[in-house]
Amino acid sequence: MKTSYLVANQMVVISLGKIYQPPFPKWYNPDATEQCMALKRKVQSLIEAGWMTFLEDQPNIKTNPLANHGRGAVNVV
């Protein structure tokens, strides 16, 4: 599910906030999102419900490599 779909259907809201740079205020925890268990549980429940995925919609070289076209040779004009 793409982010634009989630925003368009008001399933998520984009919240603009200040991005802090070092030196951080004493109260600021740059790892707060990484340590937020409530957020992790919510994201996991959305994944399990099939509402969210982190799979790419477009093919890429890792999930869909190019076909082998014979020997590895380079032609020059």
PDB file of N, CA and C in Angstrom:
ATOM      1  N   MET A   1       0.857  -1.163   0.000  1.00  0.00           N
ATOM      2  CA  MET A   1       0.000   0.000   0.000  1.00  0.00           C
ATOM      3  C   MET A   1       0.901   1.223   0.000  1.00  0.00           C
ATOM      4  N   LYS A   2       0.639   2.124  -0.884  1.00  0.00           N
ATOM      5  CA  LYS A   2       1.472   3.310  -1.009  1.00  0.00           C
ATOM      6  C   LYS A   2       1.084   4.371   0.007  1.00  0.00           C
ATOM      7  N   THR A   3       2.048   5.168   0.375  1.00  0.00           N
ATOM      8  CA  THR A   3       1.816   6.236   1.340  1.00  0.00           C
ATOM      9  C   THR A   3       0.768   7.208   0.825  1.00  0.00           C
ATOM     10  N   SER A   4       0.780   7.517  -0.472  1.00  0.00           N
ATOM     11  CA  SER A   4      -0.188   8.462  -1.026  1.00  0.00           C
ATOM     12  C   SER A   4      -1.619   7.954  -0.843  1.00  0.00           C
ATOM     13  N   TYR A   5      -1.829   6.644  -0.944  1.00  0.00           N
ATOM     14  CA  TYR A   5      -3.154   6.057  -0.716  1.00  0.00           C
ATOM     15  C   TYR A   5      -3.570   6.241   0.737  1.00  0.00           C
ATOM     16  N   LEU A   6      -2.637   5.997   1.647  1.00  0.00           N
ATOM     17  CA  LEU A   6      -2.932   6.143   3.066  1.00  0.00           C
ATOM     18  C   LEU A   6      -3.273   7.586   3.411  1.00  0.00           C
ATOM     19  N   VAL A   7      -2.531   8.537   2.845  1.00  0.00           N
ATOM     20  CA  VAL A   7      -2.791   9.945   3.103  1.00  0.00           C
ATOM     21  C   VAL A   7      -4.108  10.364   2.468  1.00  0.00           C
ATOM     22  N   ALA A   8      -4.348   9.959   1.209  1.00  0.00           N
ATOM     23  CA  ALA A   8      -5.567  10.341   0.504  1.00  0.00           C
ATOM     24  C   ALA A   8      -6.817   9.821   1.209  1.00  0.00           C
ATOM     25  N   ASN A   9      -6.737   8.672   1.831  1.00  0.00           N
ATOM     26  CA  ASN A   9      -7.880   8.085   2.521  1.00  0.00           C
ATOM     27  C   ASN A   9      -7.871   8.388   4.019  1.00  0.00           C
ATOM     28  N   GLN A  10      -7.065   9.357   4.403  1.00  0.00           N
ATOM     29  CA  GLN A  10      -6.964   9.826   5.779  1.00  0.00           C
ATOM     30  C   GLN A  10      -6.706   8.691   6.776  1.00  0.00           C
ATOM     31  N   MET A  11      -5.885   7.712   6.350  1.00  0.00           N
ATOM     32  CA  MET A  11      -5.495   6.622   7.234  1.00  0.00           C
ATOM     33  C   MET A  11      -4.253   7.006   8.023  1.00  0.00           C
ATOM     34  N   VAL A  12      -3.459   7.930   7.471  1.00  0.00           N
ATOM     35  CA  VAL A  12      -2.314   8.498   8.159  1.00  0.00           C
ATOM     36  C   VAL A  12      -2.310   9.998   7.907  1.00  0.00           C
ATOM     37  N   VAL A  13      -1.641  10.723   8.765  1.00  0.00           N
ATOM     38  CA  VAL A  13      -1.540  12.167   8.624  1.00  0.00           C
ATOM     39  C   VAL A  13      -0.068  12.530   8.640  1.00  0.00           C
ATOM     40  N   ILE A  14       0.332  13.372   7.726  1.00  0.00           N
ATOM     41  CA  ILE A  14       1.706  13.845   7.702  1.00  0.00           C
ATOM     42  C   ILE A  14       1.809  14.993   8.688  1.00  0.00           C
ATOM     43  N   SER A  15       2.710  14.845   9.610  1.00  0.00           N
ATOM     44  CA  SER A  15       2.887  15.857  10.650  1.00  0.00           C
ATOM     45  C   SER A  15       4.282  16.441  10.500  1.00  0.00           C
ATOM     46  N   LEU A  16       4.344  17.699  10.146  1.00  0.00           N
ATOM     47  CA  LEU A  16       5.631  18.356   9.988  1.00  0.00           C
ATOM     48  C   LEU A  16       6.121  18.820  11.345  1.00  0.00           C
ATOM     49  N   GLY A  17       7.338  18.552  11.612  1.00  0.00           N
ATOM     50  CA  GLY A  17       7.926  18.959  12.887  1.00  0.00           C
ATOM     51  C   GLY A  17       9.336  19.463  12.663  1.00  0.00           C
ATOM     52  N   LYS A  18       9.896  19.987  13.689  1.00  0.00           N
ATOM     53  CA  LYS A  18      11.255  20.496  13.606  1.00  0.00           C
ATOM     54  C   LYS A  18      12.235  19.328  13.622  1.00  0.00           C
ATOM     55  N   ILE A  19      13.197  19.363  12.730  1.00  0.00           N
ATOM     56  CA  ILE A  19      14.244  18.344  12.695  1.00  0.00           C
ATOM     57  C   ILE A  19      15.438  18.907  13.457  1.00  0.00           C
ATOM     58  N   TYR A  20      15.748  18.287  14.565  1.00  0.00           N
ATOM     59  CA  TYR A  20      16.837  18.754  15.399  1.00  0.00           C
ATOM     60  C   TYR A  20      18.166  18.222  14.901  1.00  0.00           C
ATOM     61  N   GLN A  21      19.173  19.054  14.977  1.00  0.00           N
ATOM     62  CA  GLN A  21      20.530  18.698  14.596  1.00  0.00           C
ATOM     63  C   GLN A  21      21.417  18.817  15.834  1.00  0.00           C
ATOM     64  N   PRO A  22      22.502  18.049  15.889  1.00  0.00           N
ATOM     65  CA  PRO A  22      23.408  18.163  17.028  1.00  0.00           C
ATOM     66  C   PRO A  22      23.965  19.582  17.120  1.00  0.00           C
ATOM     67  N   PRO A  23      24.205  20.097  18.271  1.00  0.00           N
ATOM     68  CA  PRO A  23      23.993  19.498  19.587  1.00  0.00           C
ATOM     69  C   PRO A  23      22.512  19.509  19.963  1.00  0.00           C
ATOM     70  N   PHE A  24      22.019  18.366  20.406  1.00  0.00           N
ATOM     71  CA  PHE A  24      20.611  18.219  20.744  1.00  0.00           C
ATOM     72  C   PHE A  24      20.303  18.845  22.106  1.00  0.00           C
ATOM     73  N   PRO A  25      19.047  19.320  22.286  1.00  0.00           N
ATOM     74  CA  PRO A  25      18.639  19.749  23.625  1.00  0.00           C
ATOM     75  C   PRO A  25      18.713  18.553  24.581  1.00  0.00           C
ATOM     76  N   LYS A  26      18.843  18.796  25.862  1.00  0.00           N
ATOM     77  CA  LYS A  26      18.979  17.715  26.841  1.00  0.00           C
ATOM     78  C   LYS A  26      17.781  16.767  26.831  1.00  0.00           C
ATOM     79  N   TRP A  27      16.584  17.295  26.571  1.00  0.00           N
ATOM     80  CA  TRP A  27      15.367  16.482  26.606  1.00  0.00           C
ATOM     81  C   TRP A  27      15.167  15.665  25.335  1.00  0.00           C
ATOM     82  N   TYR A  28      15.906  15.967  24.268  1.00  0.00           N
ATOM     83  CA  TYR A  28      15.677  15.327  22.973  1.00  0.00           C
ATOM     84  C   TYR A  28      16.333  13.958  22.901  1.00  0.00           C
ATOM     85  N   ASN A  29      15.582  12.964  22.444  1.00  0.00           N
ATOM     86  CA  ASN A  29      16.107  11.607  22.287  1.00  0.00           C
ATOM     87  C   ASN A  29      16.026  11.227  20.808  1.00  0.00           C
ATOM     88  N   PRO A  30      17.144  11.238  20.084  1.00  0.00           N
ATOM     89  CA  PRO A  30      17.109  10.925  18.656  1.00  0.00           C
ATOM     90  C   PRO A  30      16.709   9.475  18.377  1.00  0.00           C
ATOM     91  N   ASP A  31      16.754   8.595  19.368  1.00  0.00           N
ATOM     92  CA  ASP A  31      16.385   7.195  19.190  1.00  0.00           C
ATOM     93  C   ASP A  31      14.962   6.899  19.658  1.00  0.00           C
ATOM     94  N   ALA A  32      14.179   7.934  19.937  1.00  0.00           N
ATOM     95  CA  ALA A  32      12.835   7.735  20.492  1.00  0.00           C
ATOM     96  C   ALA A  32      11.946   6.904  19.563  1.00  0.00           C
ATOM     97  N   THR A  33      11.989   7.170  18.255  1.00  0.00           N
ATOM     98  CA  THR A  33      11.151   6.405  17.314  1.00  0.00           C
ATOM     99  C   THR A  33      11.588   4.954  17.279  1.00  0.00           C
ATOM    100  N   GLU A  34      12.891   4.727  17.306  1.00  0.00           N
ATOM    101  CA  GLU A  34      13.421   3.362  17.263  1.00  0.00           C
ATOM    102  C   GLU A  34      13.050   2.585  18.521  1.00  0.00           C
ATOM    103  N   GLN A  35      12.929   3.267  19.639  1.00  0.00           N
ATOM    104  CA  GLN A  35      12.632   2.616  20.906  1.00  0.00           C
ATOM    105  C   GLN A  35      11.143   2.592  21.240  1.00  0.00           C
ATOM    106  N   CYS A  36      10.297   3.175  20.394  1.00  0.00           N
ATOM    107  CA  CYS A  36       8.865   3.303  20.702  1.00  0.00           C
ATOM    108  C   CYS A  36       8.140   1.980  20.431  1.00  0.00           C
ATOM    109  N   MET A  37       7.868   1.235  21.487  1.00  0.00           N
ATOM    110  CA  MET A  37       7.210  -0.064  21.350  1.00  0.00           C
ATOM    111  C   MET A  37       5.756   0.083  20.889  1.00  0.00           C
ATOM    112  N   ALA A  38       5.074   1.154  21.281  1.00  0.00           N
ATOM    113  CA  ALA A  38       3.690   1.365  20.846  1.00  0.00           C
ATOM    114  C   ALA A  38       3.631   1.529  19.333  1.00  0.00           C
ATOM    115  N   LEU A  39       4.578   2.287  18.769  1.00  0.00           N
ATOM    116  CA  LEU A  39       4.635   2.462  17.317  1.00  0.00           C
ATOM    117  C   LEU A  39       4.948   1.139  16.633  1.00  0.00           C
ATOM    118  N   LYS A  40       5.911   0.399  17.163  1.00  0.00           N
ATOM    119  CA  LYS A  40       6.277  -0.890  16.573  1.00  0.00           C
ATOM    120  C   LYS A  40       5.092  -1.859  16.577  1.00  0.00           C
ATOM    121  N   ARG A  41       4.342  -1.893  17.678  1.00  0.00           N
ATOM    122  CA  ARG A  41       3.168  -2.780  17.754  1.00  0.00           C
ATOM    123  C   ARG A  41       2.091  -2.362  16.763  1.00  0.00           C
ATOM    124  N   LYS A  42       1.877  -1.058  16.609  1.00  0.00           N
ATOM    125  CA  LYS A  42       0.864  -0.560  15.672  1.00  0.00           C
ATOM    126  C   LYS A  42       1.247  -0.901  14.236  1.00  0.00           C
ATOM    127  N   VAL A  43       2.492  -0.680  13.872  1.00  0.00           N
ATOM    128  CA  VAL A  43       2.960  -1.007  12.526  1.00  0.00           C
ATOM    129  C   VAL A  43       2.841  -2.506  12.286  1.00  0.00           C
ATOM    130  N   GLN A  44       3.223  -3.324  13.258  1.00  0.00           N
ATOM    131  CA  GLN A  44       3.131  -4.773  13.113  1.00  0.00           C
ATOM    132  C   GLN A  44       1.684  -5.206  12.938  1.00  0.00           C
ATOM    133  N   SER A  45       0.756  -4.604  13.674  1.00  0.00           N
ATOM    134  CA  SER A  45      -0.656  -4.981  13.526  1.00  0.00           C
ATOM    135  C   SER A  45      -1.187  -4.578  12.156  1.00  0.00           C
ATOM    136  N   LEU A  46      -0.735  -3.455  11.604  1.00  0.00           N
ATOM    137  CA  LEU A  46      -1.148  -3.045  10.255  1.00  0.00           C
ATOM    138  C   LEU A  46      -0.588  -3.984   9.195  1.00  0.00           C
ATOM    139  N   ILE A  47       0.626  -4.461   9.394  1.00  0.00           N
ATOM    140  CA  ILE A  47       1.230  -5.428   8.465  1.00  0.00           C
ATOM    141  C   ILE A  47       0.452  -6.738   8.508  1.00  0.00           C
ATOM    142  N   GLU A  48       0.161  -7.234   9.721  1.00  0.00           N
ATOM    143  CA  GLU A  48      -0.567  -8.495   9.868  1.00  0.00           C
ATOM    144  C   GLU A  48      -1.988  -8.403   9.316  1.00  0.00           C
ATOM    145  N   ALA A  49      -2.600  -7.222   9.384  1.00  0.00           N
ATOM    146  CA  ALA A  49      -3.950  -7.032   8.850  1.00  0.00           C
ATOM    147  C   ALA A  49      -3.940  -6.862   7.335  1.00  0.00           C
ATOM    148  N   GLY A  50      -2.749  -6.719   6.741  1.00  0.00           N
ATOM    149  CA  GLY A  50      -2.645  -6.559   5.298  1.00  0.00           C
ATOM    150  C   GLY A  50      -2.854  -5.125   4.836  1.00  0.00           C
ATOM    151  N   TRP A  51      -2.849  -4.167   5.746  1.00  0.00           N
ATOM    152  CA  TRP A  51      -3.051  -2.773   5.397  1.00  0.00           C
ATOM    153  C   TRP A  51      -1.752  -2.071   5.043  1.00  0.00           C
ATOM    154  N   MET A  52      -0.617  -2.658   5.416  1.00  0.00           N
ATOM    155  CA  MET A  52       0.665  -2.025   5.182  1.00  0.00           C
ATOM    156  C   MET A  52       1.670  -3.083   4.779  1.00  0.00           C
ATOM    157  N   THR A  53       2.543  -2.703   3.854  1.00  0.00           N
ATOM    158  CA  THR A  53       3.620  -3.587   3.446  1.00  0.00           C
ATOM    159  C   THR A  53       4.841  -2.745   3.113  1.00  0.00           C
ATOM    160  N   PHE A  54       5.985  -3.336   3.222  1.00  0.00           N
ATOM    161  CA  PHE A  54       7.209  -2.649   2.864  1.00  0.00           C
ATOM    162  C   PHE A  54       7.813  -3.241   1.602  1.00  0.00           C
ATOM    163  N   LEU A  55       7.040  -4.049   0.889  1.00  0.00           N
ATOM    164  CA  LEU A  55       7.500  -4.607  -0.374  1.00  0.00           C
ATOM    165  C   LEU A  55       7.407  -3.551  -1.456  1.00  0.00           C
ATOM    166  N   GLU A  56       8.350  -3.558  -2.373  1.00  0.00           N
ATOM    167  CA  GLU A  56       8.358  -2.585  -3.454  1.00  0.00           C
ATOM    168  C   GLU A  56       7.388  -3.007  -4.541  1.00  0.00           C
ATOM    169  N   ASP A  57       6.704  -2.029  -5.123  1.00  0.00           N
ATOM    170  CA  ASP A  57       5.791  -2.301  -6.220  1.00  0.00           C
ATOM    171  C   ASP A  57       6.529  -2.446  -7.540  1.00  0.00           C
ATOM    172  N   GLN A  58       7.651  -1.790  -7.662  1.00  0.00           N
ATOM    173  CA  GLN A  58       8.427  -1.793  -8.899  1.00  0.00           C
ATOM    174  C   GLN A  58       9.488  -2.887  -8.838  1.00  0.00           C
ATOM    175  N   PRO A  59       9.745  -3.554  -9.956  1.00  0.00           N
ATOM    176  CA  PRO A  59      10.828  -4.545  -9.951  1.00  0.00           C
ATOM    177  C   PRO A  59      12.172  -3.849  -9.763  1.00  0.00           C
ATOM    178  N   ASN A  60      13.081  -4.560  -9.131  1.00  0.00           N
ATOM    179  CA  ASN A  60      14.427  -4.021  -8.987  1.00  0.00           C
ATOM    180  C   ASN A  60      15.427  -5.144  -9.222  1.00  0.00           C
ATOM    181  N   ILE A  61      16.666  -4.814  -9.261  1.00  0.00           N
ATOM    182  CA  ILE A  61      17.709  -5.771  -9.619  1.00  0.00           C
ATOM    183  C   ILE A  61      17.856  -6.883  -8.592  1.00  0.00           C
ATOM    184  N   LYS A  62      17.509  -6.628  -7.324  1.00  0.00           N
ATOM    185  CA  LYS A  62      17.641  -7.655  -6.302  1.00  0.00           C
ATOM    186  C   LYS A  62      16.495  -8.664  -6.352  1.00  0.00           C
ATOM    187  N   THR A  63      15.268  -8.190  -6.605  1.00  0.00           N
ATOM    188  CA  THR A  63      14.124  -9.100  -6.620  1.00  0.00           C
ATOM    189  C   THR A  63      13.826  -9.636  -8.007  1.00  0.00           C
ATOM    190  N   ASN A  64      14.310  -8.973  -9.052  1.00  0.00           N
ATOM    191  CA  ASN A  64      14.029  -9.382 -10.420  1.00  0.00           C
ATOM    192  C   ASN A  64      15.257  -9.098 -11.283  1.00  0.00           C
ATOM    193  N   PRO A  65      16.308  -9.906 -11.143  1.00  0.00           N
ATOM    194  CA  PRO A  65      17.537  -9.627 -11.880  1.00  0.00           C
ATOM    195  C   PRO A  65      17.344  -9.822 -13.382  1.00  0.00           C
ATOM    196  N   LEU A  66      18.223  -9.202 -14.145  1.00  0.00           N
ATOM    197  CA  LEU A  66      18.173  -9.342 -15.598  1.00  0.00           C
ATOM    198  C   LEU A  66      18.501 -10.772 -16.003  1.00  0.00           C
ATOM    199  N   ALA A  67      17.931 -11.182 -17.112  1.00  0.00           N
ATOM    200  CA  ALA A  67      18.169 -12.535 -17.611  1.00  0.00           C
ATOM    201  C   ALA A  67      19.619 -12.691 -18.066  1.00  0.00           C
ATOM    202  N   ASN A  68      20.134 -13.908 -17.983  1.00  0.00           N
ATOM    203  CA  ASN A  68      21.475 -14.199 -18.441  1.00  0.00           C
ATOM    204  C   ASN A  68      21.437 -14.326 -19.958  1.00  0.00           C
ATOM    205  N   HIS A  69      22.194 -13.482 -20.652  1.00  0.00           N
ATOM    206  CA  HIS A  69      22.189 -13.472 -22.108  1.00  0.00           C
ATOM    207  C   HIS A  69      23.440 -14.110 -22.699  1.00  0.00           C
ATOM    208  N   GLY A  70      23.952 -15.120 -22.085  1.00  0.00           N
ATOM    209  CA  GLY A  70      25.113 -15.805 -22.647  1.00  0.00           C
ATOM    210  C   GLY A  70      26.390 -15.417 -21.935  1.00  0.00           C
ATOM    211  N   ARG A  71      27.500 -15.508 -22.701  1.00  0.00           N
ATOM    212  CA  ARG A  71      28.791 -15.232 -22.092  1.00  0.00           C
ATOM    213  C   ARG A  71      28.942 -13.752 -21.754  1.00  0.00           C
ATOM    214  N   GLY A  72      29.816 -13.494 -20.843  1.00  0.00           N
ATOM    215  CA  GLY A  72      30.079 -12.128 -20.423  1.00  0.00           C
ATOM    216  C   GLY A  72      31.059 -11.445 -21.343  1.00  0.00           C
ATOM    217  N   ALA A  73      30.597 -10.846 -22.434  1.00  0.00           N
ATOM    218  CA  ALA A  73      31.467 -10.181 -23.380  1.00  0.00           C
ATOM    219  C   ALA A  73      30.978  -8.737 -23.569  1.00  0.00           C
ATOM    220  N   VAL A  74      31.911  -7.870 -23.900  1.00  0.00           N
ATOM    221  CA  VAL A  74      31.577  -6.481 -24.147  1.00  0.00           C
ATOM    222  C   VAL A  74      31.945  -6.172 -25.589  1.00  0.00           C
ATOM    223  N   ASN A  75      31.002  -5.616 -26.325  1.00  0.00           N
ATOM    224  CA  ASN A  75      31.243  -5.224 -27.703  1.00  0.00           C
ATOM    225  C   ASN A  75      31.523  -3.740 -27.751  1.00  0.00           C
ATOM    226  N   VAL A  76      32.438  -3.346 -28.625  1.00  0.00           N
ATOM    227  CA  VAL A  76      32.816  -1.942 -28.776  1.00  0.00           C
ATOM    228  C   VAL A  76      32.598  -1.550 -30.212  1.00  0.00           C
ATOM    229  N   VAL A  77      32.059  -0.346 -30.403  1.00  0.00           N
ATOM    230  CA  VAL A  77      31.832   0.165 -31.763  1.00  0.00           C
ATOM    231  C   VAL A  77      32.966   1.045 -32.147  1.00  0.00           C
TER     232      VAL A  77
END
